[in-house]
Every structure is written in C-alpha cells, then in structure tokens.
C-alpha cells in the first residue's frame, strides 16, 4: 500500500492560505511517486497538449500555482 511520506515544499498556510484548506499541495509517496492536489483542468487543457503528450483514461490534468511548485523546488529529490 502506498502512503504519503512527506509534503514537498511549503504548506498552504505558509503560502498565505488563511484556512490552510482547498489549496494546491505536493506530496512524496512511499513508492517514490508524487501526488498533487490541484484544480482539475483536463477538459480545459487536454486539447492544448503538444502532439507527443498523451493522457490515459485514468489520468487527469491538474493545475497548481507557480508559487506551489517554486516553493517545492528545494525539497524535490535530484534522483
């Protein structure tokens, strides 16, 4: 069973969310994968993907803020 190991980057509250809820977030998982909480935008952005990009039926395009990713940069493993 895959579990959440840690948050990658600053928490929503540290990024200025008053409630700390319903905000983009990134997590490292026990299997080495990453989970992302973001705004679902598959129908909006799927047609914008480059020709060499594809999405499986069980995958979604999720949008996170630039600040979420930039503030996670130092926590993302290099390998």
C-alpha atoms as a PDB file:
ATOM      1  CA  UNK A   1       0.000   0.000   0.000  1.00  0.00           C
ATOM      2  CA  UNK A   2       1.361   3.399  -0.991  1.00  0.00           C
ATOM      3  CA  UNK A   3       1.439   6.038   1.740  1.00  0.00           C
ATOM      4  CA  UNK A   4       2.244   9.745   1.964  1.00  0.00           C
ATOM      5  CA  UNK A   5       5.793  10.228   3.276  1.00  0.00           C
ATOM      6  CA  UNK A   6       6.056  13.993   3.371  1.00  0.00           C
ATOM      7  CA  UNK A   7       4.913  17.299   1.968  1.00  0.00           C
ATOM      8  CA  UNK A   8       7.125  18.759  -0.764  1.00  0.00           C
ATOM      9  CA  UNK A   9       7.524  22.494  -0.235  1.00  0.00           C
ATOM     10  CA  UNK A  10       5.659  24.912   1.984  1.00  0.00           C
ATOM     11  CA  UNK A  11       2.246  24.150   3.439  1.00  0.00           C
ATOM     12  CA  UNK A  12      -0.769  26.067   2.129  1.00  0.00           C
ATOM     13  CA  UNK A  13      -0.866  28.054   5.367  1.00  0.00           C
ATOM     14  CA  UNK A  14       2.828  29.007   4.955  1.00  0.00           C
ATOM     15  CA  UNK A  15       1.996  30.163   1.406  1.00  0.00           C
ATOM     16  CA  UNK A  16      -0.667  32.530   2.726  1.00  0.00           C
ATOM     17  CA  UNK A  17      -3.875  30.465   2.837  1.00  0.00           C
ATOM     18  CA  UNK A  18      -5.954  31.791   5.722  1.00  0.00           C
ATOM     19  CA  UNK A  19      -7.616  28.425   6.328  1.00  0.00           C
ATOM     20  CA  UNK A  20      -4.928  26.044   5.049  1.00  0.00           C
ATOM     21  CA  UNK A  21      -7.648  24.166   3.181  1.00  0.00           C
ATOM     22  CA  UNK A  22      -8.504  23.730  -0.500  1.00  0.00           C
ATOM     23  CA  UNK A  23      -5.068  24.765  -1.697  1.00  0.00           C
ATOM     24  CA  UNK A  24      -2.592  23.164  -4.109  1.00  0.00           C
ATOM     25  CA  UNK A  25      -0.129  20.778  -2.475  1.00  0.00           C
ATOM     26  CA  UNK A  26       2.568  18.261  -3.446  1.00  0.00           C
ATOM     27  CA  UNK A  27       3.432  15.075  -1.552  1.00  0.00           C
ATOM     28  CA  UNK A  28       6.155  12.434  -1.903  1.00  0.00           C
ATOM     29  CA  UNK A  29       4.793   8.891  -1.721  1.00  0.00           C
ATOM     30  CA  UNK A  30       6.348   5.758  -0.260  1.00  0.00           C
ATOM     31  CA  UNK A  31       6.780   4.221  -3.734  1.00  0.00           C
ATOM     32  CA  UNK A  32       8.819   7.221  -4.936  1.00  0.00           C
ATOM     33  CA  UNK A  33       5.930   8.813  -6.845  1.00  0.00           C
ATOM     34  CA  UNK A  34       4.423  12.220  -6.156  1.00  0.00           C
ATOM     35  CA  UNK A  35       0.797  13.149  -5.506  1.00  0.00           C
ATOM     36  CA  UNK A  36      -0.523  16.583  -6.417  1.00  0.00           C
ATOM     37  CA  UNK A  37      -3.606  18.368  -5.137  1.00  0.00           C
ATOM     38  CA  UNK A  38      -4.691  20.976  -7.618  1.00  0.00           C
ATOM     39  CA  UNK A  39      -7.504  22.305  -9.738  1.00  0.00           C
ATOM     40  CA  UNK A  40      -8.819  19.691 -12.184  1.00  0.00           C
ATOM     41  CA  UNK A  41      -8.378  21.105 -15.705  1.00  0.00           C
ATOM     42  CA  UNK A  42      -8.446  18.106 -18.043  1.00  0.00           C
ATOM     43  CA  UNK A  43     -11.244  19.286 -20.311  1.00  0.00           C
ATOM     44  CA  UNK A  44      -9.821  22.809 -20.378  1.00  0.00           C
ATOM     45  CA  UNK A  45      -6.214  21.893 -21.222  1.00  0.00           C
ATOM     46  CA  UNK A  46      -6.231  18.481 -22.935  1.00  0.00           C
ATOM     47  CA  UNK A  47      -6.582  19.983 -26.421  1.00  0.00           C
ATOM     48  CA  UNK A  48      -3.602  22.262 -25.646  1.00  0.00           C
ATOM     49  CA  UNK A  49      -1.171  19.379 -25.070  1.00  0.00           C
ATOM     50  CA  UNK A  50       1.661  19.006 -27.585  1.00  0.00           C
ATOM     51  CA  UNK A  51       1.304  16.188 -30.154  1.00  0.00           C
ATOM     52  CA  UNK A  52       3.777  13.938 -28.305  1.00  0.00           C
ATOM     53  CA  UNK A  53       1.854  14.151 -24.993  1.00  0.00           C
ATOM     54  CA  UNK A  54      -0.957  11.794 -24.062  1.00  0.00           C
ATOM     55  CA  UNK A  55      -3.309  11.168 -21.152  1.00  0.00           C
ATOM     56  CA  UNK A  56      -4.603   7.745 -20.146  1.00  0.00           C
ATOM     57  CA  UNK A  57      -8.270   7.322 -19.226  1.00  0.00           C
ATOM     58  CA  UNK A  58      -7.382   7.156 -15.520  1.00  0.00           C
ATOM     59  CA  UNK A  59      -5.203  10.307 -15.616  1.00  0.00           C
ATOM     60  CA  UNK A  60      -6.229  13.918 -15.168  1.00  0.00           C
ATOM     61  CA  UNK A  61      -4.527  17.231 -15.869  1.00  0.00           C
ATOM     62  CA  UNK A  62      -4.188  19.105 -12.593  1.00  0.00           C
ATOM     63  CA  UNK A  63      -3.103  22.720 -12.214  1.00  0.00           C
ATOM     64  CA  UNK A  64      -1.103  24.002  -9.252  1.00  0.00           C
ATOM     65  CA  UNK A  65       0.060  27.545  -8.706  1.00  0.00           C
ATOM     66  CA  UNK A  66       3.522  28.657  -9.744  1.00  0.00           C
ATOM     67  CA  UNK A  67       4.278  29.528  -6.108  1.00  0.00           C
ATOM     68  CA  UNK A  68       3.438  25.968  -5.005  1.00  0.00           C
ATOM     69  CA  UNK A  69       5.963  24.455  -7.399  1.00  0.00           C
ATOM     70  CA  UNK A  70       8.658  27.105  -6.945  1.00  0.00           C
ATOM     71  CA  UNK A  71       8.482  26.754  -3.162  1.00  0.00           C
ATOM     72  CA  UNK A  72       8.752  22.964  -3.519  1.00  0.00           C
ATOM     73  CA  UNK A  73      11.880  23.135  -5.707  1.00  0.00           C
ATOM     74  CA  UNK A  74      14.412  22.718  -2.898  1.00  0.00           C
ATOM     75  CA  UNK A  75      12.540  19.696  -1.491  1.00  0.00           C
ATOM     76  CA  UNK A  76      12.314  17.759  -4.770  1.00  0.00           C
ATOM     77  CA  UNK A  77      14.893  14.949  -4.814  1.00  0.00           C
ATOM     78  CA  UNK A  78      17.535  15.205  -7.548  1.00  0.00           C
ATOM     79  CA  UNK A  79      17.450  11.479  -8.306  1.00  0.00           C
END
